[in-house]
Amino acid sequence: MSNIYGPGGTLPPIPDDLTIAQFILDAAHVSRPQVVTSCLIDDSTGRKTKMDEVCVRIRTRALAQSLQTHWDIVNVLEILFLECCLADYPVAVWAVHLLGGIVTAANPAYTTGELEHQLVTTEAKLMIVHPASYAVALRAASTAGLPMERIILIDSLKDANSRPHHIVQELITEGYQHHSILVESRFRPGEGRTRLAFLSFSSGTTGKAKAVCIPHYATIAAVIQLAHLVNSQPRSSDERKIRPGDVWLAHIYGLVVMMHFAFFYGGALIVVPRFNFVEMLKSIERYRVNVLPVVPPQVVLLCKHSDVKNYDLRSIRLLISGAAPLSAELITQLSQILPSASIGQGYGMTEVVGSIAFPQMEQKIGTPGSAGRLVPGMIARVVRPDGTIAKIGEPGHLLISGPATALGYLKNEEATKETFVDGWVHTGDEVIINEQSEIFILDRIKELLKVKGYQVAPAELEGHLLDHPDVADICVVGLQDDYSGELPLAFVVPSTKATERIKRDPAEAERVRAILMKHVADAKVHYKRLAGGVEFVESIPKNPSGKLLRRVLRERAREMQKQGKLSSKPRAKL
């Protein structure tokens, strides 16, 4: 069979005439529980913002009114958020969507150059910033030509002499007086399929990250897919792993699973401003967390951190691991730490918006090695290298189709044609899919690294390092690591001058390594640093057309790691 369908039957209707905010805050839908108790809970204060009181809905409309009044937001205005896990973050996102604006979220750890790239690419007209990221945001805005008065702060700056900016809470208070006259964006039937809601950046295999164009319809579809998956389980609602009223710890998987699906399905979201493992344990115990989304580095901490035994984690009913594969050995260890919890893996990518696969709801422990089962509404193909369709259980390149797919890459026609082909998203992952529609990821055809759940494009680091005078040629590969998943390791051919210096003084080799690692650390976000180290080689293996034979060096790195022959000790830390 050429196509493999996510089980669960036909999806309920997916509205294509609503903004995401209208769907989440106002729309009745057959997939939604009848009793919805959604709320946002500030982890540090315990303050609840409920949907139905002086609440998320009213705060969203009040902020939208102020944004409309001050900046006349209309359909195509892009707003950049420096991501922050605060209770008003969803409020701010949905306020923009009510007005038909587009949101592009940036990692708060970005350097000035990385943030400037996103500002310029998206042509953002406003920026909403957490005070902790203010200095970087101000420099990036200045370089990108964004006026200072178009920077909005999530909270006040501590410096009394700082420049004046609008504050989100002040805008909400101001909007309370006028939100009844708010003019919301209204879509015509079908318009939600093409009107953009998000420009989410995803690392490609070449150059800098690309902006993925995500329409309102795709995000709504992703929410309905997950709700339909939960609702289609044969057990009663009290026996399901995900239930209305569940407490979720909201610190990752922010776009669809947490901020939209969990809220839509009646969850209480514990909003954590900054990840700290011990504080996470305290929050689980304090709020009796039921659903815990994690990434493999956090699983390692749950298995190995000495403080775990000091906290009561028995409230956890479901632990979902995603962003990178989780080994069967770690799952076994984790099941001993959390014996009452169901444990499973999920799999997704920005270009497919939501989840491609989700943990098997009928299993206490997901099938070892599986990245989950195809969600309802997803259609998969596995393609052999010669372009023919693979059989069930046979490896090949995974192609995905379904309602929750992006439209392409912003201002990048070549990359769009490469990834989005005739209604299919080419994931770049080599997989096997079995008779139960479970996905097993074998390798990354696109060669992206996954560091602590983040995508890292080797070509981006290679391009940066080639600018250094001590580098003649380079290839970056991933070094396997239990905590981080992978660590960037650079195989470097030193320049002629650097080689001469090393020959004169062998100690110079270590100095050059340190210089190159600092060269990356000074310009790139923390997870892109060369934590795997630098290895000097005489040449980089390439095929006749000049393409890097990255797999050759990846295998060499694994062998060197196994034999303890790496020049630098990998720098991942618990």
Protein backbone atom coordinates (compact mmCIF):
# COMPACT_ATOMS: atom_id res chain seq x y z
CA MET A 1 0.00 0.00 0.00
CA SER A 2 1.49 3.34 -1.04
CA ASN A 3 -0.14 5.49 1.67
CA ILE A 4 -0.20 4.81 5.41
CA TYR A 5 -3.01 6.50 7.32
CA GLY A 6 -3.05 7.56 10.95
CA PRO A 7 -5.68 5.39 12.66
CA GLY A 8 -8.77 6.91 14.23
CA GLY A 9 -11.05 7.35 11.26
CA THR A 10 -12.26 10.56 9.62
CA LEU A 11 -11.47 13.81 11.39
CA PRO A 12 -14.29 16.09 12.57
CA PRO A 13 -14.81 19.26 10.50
CA ILE A 14 -11.92 21.74 10.59
CA PRO A 15 -13.12 25.36 10.41
CA ASP A 16 -11.36 27.39 7.73
CA ASP A 17 -13.00 30.75 8.43
CA LEU A 18 -11.69 31.41 11.97
CA THR A 19 -8.52 32.85 13.41
CA ILE A 20 -6.74 30.61 15.91
CA ALA A 21 -7.79 32.95 18.73
CA GLN A 22 -11.46 32.77 17.76
CA PHE A 23 -11.28 28.97 17.62
CA ILE A 24 -9.49 28.58 20.96
CA LEU A 25 -11.37 31.24 22.94
CA ASP A 26 -14.89 31.20 21.49
CA ALA A 27 -15.71 28.39 19.11
CA ALA A 28 -17.79 25.38 20.11
CA HIS A 29 -16.48 22.20 18.47
CA VAL A 30 -17.42 18.55 18.64
CA SER A 31 -13.82 17.67 19.66
CA ARG A 32 -13.88 19.95 22.68
CA PRO A 33 -14.94 18.61 26.10
CA GLN A 34 -18.32 19.90 27.26
CA VAL A 35 -16.87 21.21 30.52
CA VAL A 36 -13.78 23.31 29.90
CA THR A 37 -11.78 24.47 32.92
CA SER A 38 -8.79 25.89 31.06
CA CYS A 39 -6.52 28.27 32.94
CA LEU A 40 -2.97 29.58 33.02
CA ILE A 41 -1.14 29.35 36.35
CA ASP A 42 1.97 31.42 37.03
CA ASP A 43 4.47 28.96 38.50
CA SER A 44 6.21 31.51 40.74
CA THR A 45 3.10 33.11 42.26
CA GLY A 46 0.34 30.55 41.80
CA ARG A 47 -1.89 33.23 40.23
CA LYS A 48 -4.57 31.72 37.98
CA THR A 49 -5.92 33.34 34.83
CA LYS A 50 -9.08 31.44 33.92
CA MET A 51 -10.84 31.40 30.58
CA ASP A 52 -14.24 32.46 31.88
CA GLU A 53 -13.76 35.13 34.55
CA VAL A 54 -11.66 38.33 34.45
CA CYS A 55 -9.76 36.09 32.28
CA VAL A 56 -7.78 34.99 29.30
CA ARG A 57 -10.61 35.88 26.93
CA ILE A 58 -11.12 39.41 28.28
CA ARG A 59 -7.40 40.11 28.69
CA THR A 60 -6.82 39.02 25.09
CA ARG A 61 -9.47 41.34 23.72
CA ALA A 62 -8.30 44.23 25.88
CA LEU A 63 -4.72 43.87 24.63
CA ALA A 64 -5.95 43.54 21.05
CA GLN A 65 -7.89 46.80 21.44
CA SER A 66 -4.78 48.66 22.65
CA LEU A 67 -2.62 47.22 19.87
CA GLN A 68 -5.23 48.31 17.36
CA THR A 69 -5.45 51.79 18.88
CA HIS A 70 -1.72 52.47 19.15
CA TRP A 71 -0.37 50.77 16.03
CA ASP A 72 -3.36 50.21 13.75
CA ILE A 73 -2.56 46.52 13.34
CA VAL A 74 -4.03 45.07 10.16
CA ASN A 75 -3.85 41.84 8.28
CA VAL A 76 -0.20 41.60 7.28
CA LEU A 77 1.63 43.10 10.26
CA GLU A 78 4.28 40.75 11.63
CA ILE A 79 5.11 40.91 15.34
CA LEU A 80 8.21 39.29 16.78
CA PHE A 81 8.06 37.83 20.29
CA LEU A 82 11.14 36.92 22.23
CA GLU A 83 9.72 33.70 23.65
CA CYS A 84 8.96 33.76 27.35
CA CYS A 85 6.92 31.38 29.46
CA LEU A 86 4.70 33.91 31.21
CA ALA A 87 0.94 33.73 31.68
CA ASP A 88 0.36 36.67 29.33
CA TYR A 89 2.38 35.15 26.48
CA PRO A 90 -0.64 33.28 25.01
CA VAL A 91 -2.75 36.39 25.65
CA ALA A 92 -0.35 38.47 23.56
CA VAL A 93 -0.17 35.91 20.74
CA TRP A 94 -3.95 35.53 20.52
CA ALA A 95 -4.45 39.31 20.68
CA VAL A 96 -2.34 39.64 17.54
CA HIS A 97 -4.30 36.85 15.85
CA LEU A 98 -7.65 38.48 16.67
CA LEU A 99 -6.43 41.42 14.61
CA GLY A 100 -5.23 39.27 11.73
CA GLY A 101 -1.57 39.86 12.53
CA ILE A 102 1.28 37.37 12.18
CA VAL A 103 3.46 36.17 15.06
CA THR A 104 7.09 35.13 14.74
CA ALA A 105 8.65 33.84 17.97
CA ALA A 106 12.38 33.99 18.66
CA ASN A 107 14.53 32.05 21.09
CA PRO A 108 15.37 34.33 24.06
CA ALA A 109 18.93 32.98 24.00
CA TYR A 110 19.58 34.31 20.48
CA THR A 111 22.56 36.53 19.86
CA THR A 112 22.10 39.99 18.38
CA GLY A 113 23.00 38.73 14.90
CA GLU A 114 20.56 35.81 15.02
CA LEU A 115 17.73 38.04 16.22
CA GLU A 116 18.53 40.66 13.59
CA HIS A 117 18.30 37.94 10.89
CA GLN A 118 14.79 37.07 12.06
CA LEU A 119 13.70 40.71 12.24
CA VAL A 120 14.95 41.44 8.74
CA THR A 121 13.60 38.23 7.20
CA THR A 122 10.09 38.68 8.60
CA GLU A 123 10.02 42.49 8.31
CA ALA A 124 8.46 42.58 11.78
CA LYS A 125 6.84 45.89 12.68
CA LEU A 126 6.58 45.40 16.45
CA MET A 127 8.61 43.43 18.98
CA ILE A 128 7.34 42.17 22.34
CA VAL A 129 10.24 41.50 24.67
CA HIS A 130 10.92 40.13 28.14
CA PRO A 131 13.17 42.46 30.17
CA ALA A 132 15.84 39.75 30.41
CA SER A 133 16.29 39.92 26.63
CA TYR A 134 15.96 43.68 26.34
CA ALA A 135 19.62 44.54 25.69
CA VAL A 136 19.96 42.05 22.81
CA ALA A 137 16.57 43.07 21.42
CA LEU A 138 17.47 46.77 21.48
CA ARG A 139 20.73 46.19 19.59
CA ALA A 140 19.06 43.93 17.02
CA ALA A 141 16.20 46.38 16.53
CA SER A 142 18.62 49.24 16.01
CA THR A 143 20.58 47.32 13.37
CA ALA A 144 17.40 46.10 11.64
CA GLY A 145 15.88 49.58 11.58
CA LEU A 146 12.99 48.90 13.98
CA PRO A 147 12.19 52.13 15.92
CA MET A 148 12.56 52.03 19.70
CA GLU A 149 8.93 53.03 20.22
CA ARG A 150 7.87 49.77 18.52
CA ILE A 151 9.40 47.66 21.30
CA ILE A 152 6.81 46.50 23.87
CA LEU A 153 7.88 44.96 27.18
CA ILE A 154 6.18 41.98 28.80
CA ASP A 155 7.16 43.48 32.17
CA SER A 156 8.82 46.66 33.48
CA LEU A 157 12.57 47.14 33.38
CA LYS A 158 14.27 47.34 36.77
CA ASP A 159 16.38 50.32 35.72
CA ALA A 160 14.45 53.43 36.72
CA ASN A 161 16.38 55.50 34.18
CA SER A 162 15.62 53.17 31.28
CA ARG A 163 13.96 54.39 28.11
CA PRO A 164 10.14 54.46 28.19
CA HIS A 165 8.30 51.59 26.52
CA HIS A 166 4.74 50.33 26.50
CA ILE A 167 4.17 47.48 28.98
CA VAL A 168 1.78 44.62 28.17
CA GLN A 169 -0.09 44.88 31.47
CA GLU A 170 -0.56 48.64 31.03
CA LEU A 171 -1.90 48.08 27.52
CA ILE A 172 -4.33 45.47 28.85
CA THR A 173 -5.55 47.84 31.57
CA GLU A 174 -6.01 50.58 28.99
CA GLY A 175 -7.84 48.23 26.64
CA TYR A 176 -10.35 47.14 29.31
CA GLN A 177 -12.11 50.46 28.86
CA HIS A 178 -12.59 50.06 25.11
CA HIS A 179 -12.47 46.33 24.26
CA SER A 180 -16.20 46.30 23.45
CA ILE A 181 -15.46 48.30 20.29
CA LEU A 182 -12.70 45.96 19.12
CA VAL A 183 -12.80 45.24 15.38
CA GLU A 184 -11.69 41.62 15.00
CA SER A 185 -10.37 40.16 11.78
CA ARG A 186 -13.04 38.08 10.02
CA PHE A 187 -12.13 35.45 7.43
CA ARG A 188 -14.19 34.45 4.46
CA PRO A 189 -14.86 30.69 4.06
CA GLY A 190 -11.57 29.05 3.07
CA GLU A 191 -9.43 32.09 3.90
CA GLY A 192 -7.98 30.50 7.03
CA ARG A 193 -6.14 28.00 4.82
CA THR A 194 -3.88 30.71 3.39
CA ARG A 195 -3.83 33.52 5.96
CA LEU A 196 -0.63 33.26 7.98
CA ALA A 197 -0.70 33.00 11.76
CA PHE A 198 2.95 32.17 12.49
CA LEU A 199 6.36 32.54 10.88
CA SER A 200 8.23 29.86 12.82
CA PHE A 201 11.93 29.48 12.18
CA SER A 202 13.30 26.06 11.36
CA SER A 203 16.92 25.20 10.66
CA GLY A 204 17.56 23.90 7.17
CA THR A 205 20.51 21.89 5.94
CA THR A 206 22.14 24.94 4.39
CA GLY A 207 22.71 28.41 5.75
CA LYS A 208 20.62 30.19 8.33
CA ALA A 209 17.23 29.18 9.71
CA LYS A 210 14.23 29.59 7.40
CA ALA A 211 10.82 31.08 8.24
CA VAL A 212 8.07 28.45 7.95
CA CYS A 213 4.72 29.91 6.84
CA ILE A 214 2.00 28.47 9.08
CA PRO A 215 -1.65 29.39 8.37
CA HIS A 216 -4.44 29.55 10.95
CA TYR A 217 -6.13 26.46 9.47
CA ALA A 218 -3.05 24.24 9.96
CA THR A 219 -2.75 25.07 13.65
CA ILE A 220 -6.48 24.54 14.24
CA ALA A 221 -6.24 21.23 12.36
CA ALA A 222 -3.31 20.11 14.54
CA VAL A 223 -5.36 20.79 17.69
CA ILE A 224 -8.36 18.87 16.34
CA GLN A 225 -6.14 15.94 15.34
CA LEU A 226 -4.84 15.54 18.90
CA ALA A 227 -8.29 16.04 20.44
CA HIS A 228 -9.74 13.43 18.07
CA LEU A 229 -6.94 11.03 19.01
CA VAL A 230 -7.79 11.37 22.71
CA ASN A 231 -11.55 11.22 22.14
CA SER A 232 -11.32 8.12 19.93
CA GLN A 233 -9.85 5.99 22.71
CA PRO A 234 -12.29 3.22 23.71
CA ARG A 235 -11.96 3.83 27.44
CA SER A 236 -14.21 6.06 29.51
CA SER A 237 -13.11 9.64 30.03
CA ASP A 238 -11.90 8.83 33.56
CA GLU A 239 -9.56 6.17 32.18
CA ARG A 240 -7.99 8.23 29.43
CA LYS A 241 -4.41 9.35 29.79
CA ILE A 242 -5.34 12.93 28.87
CA ARG A 243 -8.45 14.44 30.48
CA PRO A 244 -10.14 17.81 30.89
CA GLY A 245 -8.87 19.44 34.07
CA ASP A 246 -5.41 17.86 33.80
CA VAL A 247 -2.50 19.90 35.08
CA TRP A 248 0.23 20.31 32.45
CA LEU A 249 3.73 21.69 33.02
CA ALA A 250 4.13 24.24 30.23
CA HIS A 251 7.78 24.75 29.40
CA ILE A 252 8.27 23.06 25.98
CA TYR A 253 6.31 22.03 22.86
CA GLY A 254 4.85 25.52 23.17
CA LEU A 255 3.13 26.20 19.86
CA VAL A 256 0.58 23.42 19.40
CA VAL A 257 0.66 20.74 22.09
CA MET A 258 0.86 23.07 25.09
CA MET A 259 -0.43 26.53 24.26
CA HIS A 260 -3.23 25.38 21.96
CA PHE A 261 -4.19 21.73 22.42
CA ALA A 262 -3.83 21.53 26.22
CA PHE A 263 -5.73 24.79 26.66
CA PHE A 264 -8.42 23.78 24.12
CA TYR A 265 -8.91 20.45 25.90
CA GLY A 266 -9.50 22.05 29.30
CA GLY A 267 -6.04 21.80 30.80
CA ALA A 268 -4.49 23.91 33.53
CA LEU A 269 -1.09 25.08 32.28
CA ILE A 270 1.64 25.72 34.85
CA VAL A 271 3.64 28.45 33.12
CA VAL A 272 7.35 28.22 33.99
CA PRO A 273 9.39 31.36 33.19
CA ARG A 274 12.78 29.64 33.12
CA PHE A 275 13.70 25.97 33.24
CA ASN A 276 15.47 24.74 36.35
CA PHE A 277 15.32 21.03 37.03
CA VAL A 278 14.96 21.12 40.81
CA GLU A 279 12.33 23.87 40.51
CA MET A 280 10.53 21.65 37.99
CA LEU A 281 10.41 18.86 40.57
CA LYS A 282 9.01 21.29 43.14
CA SER A 283 6.32 22.43 40.68
CA ILE A 284 5.29 18.85 39.89
CA GLU A 285 4.81 18.17 43.59
CA ARG A 286 3.19 21.54 44.41
CA TYR A 287 0.62 21.53 41.61
CA ARG A 288 0.16 17.75 41.29
CA VAL A 289 1.11 17.76 37.61
CA ASN A 290 -0.64 15.06 35.54
CA VAL A 291 0.90 15.48 32.08
CA LEU A 292 4.64 16.12 31.79
CA PRO A 293 6.10 16.90 28.35
CA VAL A 294 9.90 16.55 28.32
CA VAL A 295 12.90 16.26 26.03
CA PRO A 296 15.62 13.58 26.40
CA PRO A 297 18.00 15.78 28.48
CA GLN A 298 15.26 16.10 31.10
CA VAL A 299 14.69 12.34 31.02
CA VAL A 300 18.38 11.88 31.78
CA LEU A 301 18.02 14.22 34.75
CA LEU A 302 14.95 12.37 36.00
CA CYS A 303 16.95 9.14 35.86
CA LYS A 304 20.21 10.42 37.34
CA HIS A 305 19.71 13.57 39.40
CA SER A 306 20.12 12.96 43.12
CA ASP A 307 17.23 15.26 44.11
CA VAL A 308 14.53 13.25 42.29
CA LYS A 309 14.02 10.96 45.27
CA ASN A 310 13.16 13.95 47.48
CA TYR A 311 9.94 14.81 45.63
CA ASP A 312 6.55 13.16 45.23
CA LEU A 313 6.03 12.63 41.48
CA ARG A 314 3.17 10.14 41.72
CA SER A 315 0.66 12.58 40.22
CA ILE A 316 2.26 12.15 36.78
CA ARG A 317 -0.09 10.06 34.67
CA LEU A 318 1.54 10.63 31.26
CA LEU A 319 5.10 11.57 30.34
CA ILE A 320 5.65 12.52 26.70
CA SER A 321 9.18 12.76 25.34
CA GLY A 322 9.84 14.50 22.05
CA ALA A 323 12.20 16.69 19.98
CA ALA A 324 14.79 13.86 19.71
CA PRO A 325 14.77 10.04 19.94
CA LEU A 326 14.76 8.49 23.41
CA SER A 327 16.67 5.25 23.82
CA ALA A 328 14.98 2.09 25.07
CA GLU A 329 17.49 1.97 27.92
CA LEU A 330 16.45 5.42 29.17
CA ILE A 331 12.77 4.49 28.93
CA THR A 332 13.44 1.42 31.08
CA GLN A 333 15.26 3.51 33.70
CA LEU A 334 12.51 6.13 33.65
CA SER A 335 9.76 3.55 34.14
CA GLN A 336 11.51 2.52 37.37
CA ILE A 337 11.63 6.14 38.58
CA LEU A 338 7.95 6.76 37.65
CA PRO A 339 6.34 3.32 37.99
CA SER A 340 2.76 4.63 37.90
CA ALA A 341 3.22 6.85 34.80
CA SER A 342 2.57 5.97 31.17
CA ILE A 343 5.62 6.83 29.05
CA GLY A 344 5.70 7.43 25.33
CA GLN A 345 7.40 9.38 22.58
CA GLY A 346 6.09 11.85 20.05
CA TYR A 347 7.49 13.12 16.77
CA GLY A 348 6.92 16.33 14.88
CA MET A 349 8.52 19.08 12.87
CA THR A 350 7.82 22.75 12.28
CA GLU A 351 6.84 22.18 8.66
CA VAL A 352 4.06 19.79 9.74
CA VAL A 353 2.98 22.26 12.46
CA GLY A 354 1.71 19.81 15.07
CA SER A 355 2.48 16.18 15.84
CA ILE A 356 3.23 13.68 13.11
CA ALA A 357 3.16 10.89 15.69
CA PHE A 358 1.98 10.79 19.31
CA PRO A 359 2.42 8.25 22.13
CA GLN A 360 0.35 5.10 21.83
CA MET A 361 -2.62 5.82 24.09
CA GLU A 362 -3.44 2.15 24.77
CA GLN A 363 0.08 1.27 25.97
CA LYS A 364 1.54 2.02 29.39
CA ILE A 365 5.04 2.07 27.91
CA GLY A 366 5.37 2.94 24.23
CA THR A 367 6.86 0.41 21.85
CA PRO A 368 10.67 0.50 22.41
CA GLY A 369 12.42 2.57 19.75
CA SER A 370 9.15 3.96 18.41
CA ALA A 371 8.67 7.71 17.96
CA GLY A 372 4.93 7.18 18.43
CA ARG A 373 2.00 6.36 16.17
CA LEU A 374 0.73 8.47 13.27
CA VAL A 375 -1.96 10.83 14.51
CA PRO A 376 -5.44 10.76 12.93
CA GLY A 377 -5.59 12.66 9.67
CA MET A 378 -1.89 12.22 8.87
CA ILE A 379 -0.94 10.34 5.70
CA ALA A 380 2.57 8.94 5.34
CA ARG A 381 4.64 7.51 2.52
CA VAL A 382 8.01 5.80 2.88
CA VAL A 383 10.07 6.19 -0.28
CA ARG A 384 13.13 4.17 -1.31
CA PRO A 385 16.23 5.95 -2.67
CA ASP A 386 15.16 5.06 -6.22
CA GLY A 387 11.84 6.87 -5.74
CA THR A 388 9.65 3.77 -5.44
CA ILE A 389 7.31 3.24 -2.50
CA ALA A 390 8.68 1.08 0.32
CA LYS A 391 6.66 -1.71 1.87
CA ILE A 392 5.48 -1.83 5.47
CA GLY A 393 8.53 -2.43 7.67
CA GLU A 394 10.97 -1.36 4.95
CA PRO A 395 13.22 1.70 5.46
CA GLY A 396 13.00 4.84 3.39
CA HIS A 397 12.49 8.61 3.33
CA LEU A 398 9.36 9.74 5.20
CA LEU A 399 6.89 11.96 3.31
CA ILE A 400 3.89 13.43 5.15
CA SER A 401 0.58 14.90 3.99
CA GLY A 402 -2.39 16.14 5.97
CA PRO A 403 -4.36 19.22 7.01
CA ALA A 404 -1.77 20.48 9.50
CA THR A 405 1.03 21.34 7.09
CA ALA A 406 2.74 24.65 6.43
CA LEU A 407 2.58 26.50 3.13
CA GLY A 408 6.31 26.77 2.51
CA TYR A 409 9.26 28.98 3.46
CA LEU A 410 9.07 32.76 3.44
CA LYS A 411 11.01 34.35 0.55
CA ASN A 412 12.76 31.05 -0.23
CA GLU A 413 11.26 29.47 -3.33
CA GLU A 414 14.13 27.02 -3.82
CA ALA A 415 13.85 25.54 -0.32
CA THR A 416 10.06 25.44 -0.60
CA LYS A 417 10.23 23.44 -3.85
CA GLU A 418 12.68 21.03 -2.21
CA THR A 419 10.59 20.32 0.91
CA PHE A 420 6.96 20.88 -0.17
CA VAL A 421 6.36 18.71 -3.24
CA ASP A 422 2.91 18.01 -4.73
CA GLY A 423 1.16 18.20 -1.36
CA TRP A 424 3.79 16.14 0.47
CA VAL A 425 6.29 17.39 3.07
CA HIS A 426 9.68 15.76 2.63
CA THR A 427 10.75 15.33 6.25
CA GLY A 428 14.38 14.43 5.61
CA ASP A 429 14.11 11.51 8.04
CA GLU A 430 14.80 7.88 7.19
CA VAL A 431 12.20 5.74 8.93
CA ILE A 432 10.42 2.43 9.15
CA ILE A 433 6.64 2.30 9.69
CA ASN A 434 5.13 -0.95 10.94
CA GLU A 435 1.66 -2.50 10.63
CA GLN A 436 0.47 -0.52 13.67
CA SER A 437 1.40 2.80 11.99
CA GLU A 438 4.25 3.30 14.48
CA ILE A 439 7.25 5.28 13.26
CA PHE A 440 10.85 4.25 13.93
CA ILE A 441 13.41 6.91 13.02
CA LEU A 442 16.66 5.48 11.65
CA ASP A 443 18.62 8.52 10.51
CA ARG A 444 18.37 12.12 9.38
CA ILE A 445 18.68 12.34 5.64
CA LYS A 446 18.84 16.13 5.91
CA GLU A 447 21.75 15.86 8.38
CA LEU A 448 20.34 18.29 10.93
CA LEU A 449 21.68 17.91 14.45
CA LYS A 450 19.33 17.81 17.43
CA VAL A 451 20.98 19.39 20.48
CA LYS A 452 18.83 19.37 23.62
CA GLY A 453 15.81 19.24 21.34
CA TYR A 454 16.92 22.22 19.23
CA GLN A 455 17.68 21.98 15.53
CA VAL A 456 21.24 22.88 14.53
CA ALA A 457 22.25 23.14 10.88
CA PRO A 458 25.86 21.99 10.41
CA ALA A 459 26.18 24.28 7.37
CA GLU A 460 25.49 27.34 9.52
CA LEU A 461 28.41 26.52 11.84
CA GLU A 462 30.62 25.53 8.91
CA GLY A 463 29.99 28.83 7.17
CA HIS A 464 30.80 30.76 10.33
CA LEU A 465 34.01 28.83 11.00
CA LEU A 466 35.21 29.14 7.41
CA ASP A 467 35.38 32.89 8.00
CA HIS A 468 38.13 32.30 10.55
CA PRO A 469 41.68 32.64 9.15
CA ASP A 470 42.83 29.45 10.89
CA VAL A 471 40.31 27.28 8.99
CA ALA A 472 40.90 25.97 5.46
CA ASP A 473 38.06 23.45 5.33
CA ILE A 474 35.55 22.04 7.76
CA CYS A 475 32.75 19.55 8.38
CA VAL A 476 30.49 19.58 11.46
CA VAL A 477 28.85 16.35 12.65
CA GLY A 478 26.87 15.26 15.68
CA LEU A 479 28.52 13.42 18.54
CA GLN A 480 26.11 11.15 20.39
CA ASP A 481 25.41 12.20 23.98
CA ASP A 482 22.88 10.79 26.46
CA TYR A 483 22.07 14.19 27.93
CA SER A 484 22.01 16.48 24.90
CA GLY A 485 21.15 13.94 22.21
CA GLU A 486 23.95 15.24 20.02
CA LEU A 487 26.86 17.63 20.46
CA PRO A 488 28.34 19.61 17.53
CA LEU A 489 31.84 18.36 16.70
CA ALA A 490 33.96 20.14 14.09
CA PHE A 491 36.46 18.31 11.88
CA VAL A 492 38.81 21.11 10.79
CA VAL A 493 41.53 21.30 8.16
CA PRO A 494 43.80 24.04 9.55
CA SER A 495 44.94 26.83 7.25
CA THR A 496 48.54 26.80 6.00
CA LYS A 497 49.61 29.40 8.57
CA ALA A 498 47.86 27.60 11.42
CA THR A 499 49.46 24.31 10.34
CA GLU A 500 52.90 25.91 10.38
CA ARG A 501 52.33 27.29 13.88
CA ILE A 502 51.21 23.88 15.12
CA LYS A 503 54.29 22.20 13.62
CA ARG A 504 56.59 24.69 15.35
CA ASP A 505 54.81 24.32 18.68
CA PRO A 506 52.51 21.32 19.30
CA ALA A 507 50.85 23.24 22.16
CA GLU A 508 49.49 25.63 19.54
CA ALA A 509 46.97 22.95 18.49
CA GLU A 510 45.09 23.31 21.78
CA ARG A 511 45.19 27.10 21.51
CA VAL A 512 43.68 26.97 18.01
CA ARG A 513 40.95 24.63 19.24
CA ALA A 514 40.09 27.06 22.01
CA ILE A 515 40.08 30.00 19.59
CA LEU A 516 37.70 28.25 17.19
CA MET A 517 35.35 27.17 19.96
CA LYS A 518 35.26 30.74 21.27
CA HIS A 519 34.67 32.02 17.72
CA VAL A 520 31.42 30.03 17.66
CA ALA A 521 30.45 30.73 21.28
CA ASP A 522 30.74 34.49 20.77
CA ALA A 523 28.36 34.51 17.80
CA LYS A 524 25.89 31.67 18.29
CA VAL A 525 23.20 30.66 20.75
CA HIS A 526 24.42 28.27 23.47
CA TYR A 527 23.14 25.03 21.93
CA LYS A 528 25.08 25.69 18.70
CA ARG A 529 28.45 25.81 20.43
CA LEU A 530 31.09 23.18 19.69
CA ALA A 531 30.46 21.19 22.85
CA GLY A 532 31.75 18.08 21.05
CA GLY A 533 35.11 19.76 20.44
CA VAL A 534 37.41 20.31 17.47
CA GLU A 535 39.36 17.59 15.67
CA PHE A 536 42.12 18.43 13.15
CA VAL A 537 42.25 16.40 9.92
CA GLU A 538 44.31 16.64 6.73
CA SER A 539 41.28 16.65 4.43
CA ILE A 540 37.48 16.50 4.46
CA PRO A 541 36.07 13.48 2.55
CA LYS A 542 33.87 14.51 -0.39
CA ASN A 543 32.21 12.84 -3.33
CA PRO A 544 33.27 13.64 -6.96
CA SER A 545 30.82 16.55 -7.13
CA GLY A 546 32.30 18.11 -3.99
CA LYS A 547 29.50 17.22 -1.55
CA LEU A 548 30.65 16.58 2.01
CA LEU A 549 30.58 12.92 2.95
CA ARG A 550 29.26 13.76 6.39
CA ARG A 551 28.35 10.18 7.24
CA VAL A 552 32.00 9.12 6.88
CA LEU A 553 33.09 11.64 9.50
CA ARG A 554 30.09 10.88 11.70
CA GLU A 555 31.16 7.23 11.81
CA ARG A 556 34.75 8.29 12.49
CA ALA A 557 33.57 10.45 15.39
CA ARG A 558 31.58 7.58 16.88
CA GLU A 559 34.60 5.27 16.67
CA MET A 560 36.91 7.87 18.22
CA GLN A 561 34.39 8.43 21.01
CA LYS A 562 34.12 4.69 21.64
CA GLN A 563 37.93 4.33 21.80
CA GLY A 564 38.42 7.44 23.93
CA LYS A 565 40.53 9.14 21.23
CA LEU A 566 38.76 12.50 21.02
CA SER A 567 41.07 15.46 21.59
CA SER A 568 38.51 17.28 23.72
CA LYS A 569 36.20 15.86 26.34
CA PRO A 570 32.59 16.57 25.30
CA ARG A 571 31.15 19.40 27.39
CA ALA A 572 27.56 18.38 28.00
CA LYS A 573 26.63 18.83 31.65
CA LEU A 574 23.76 17.61 33.80
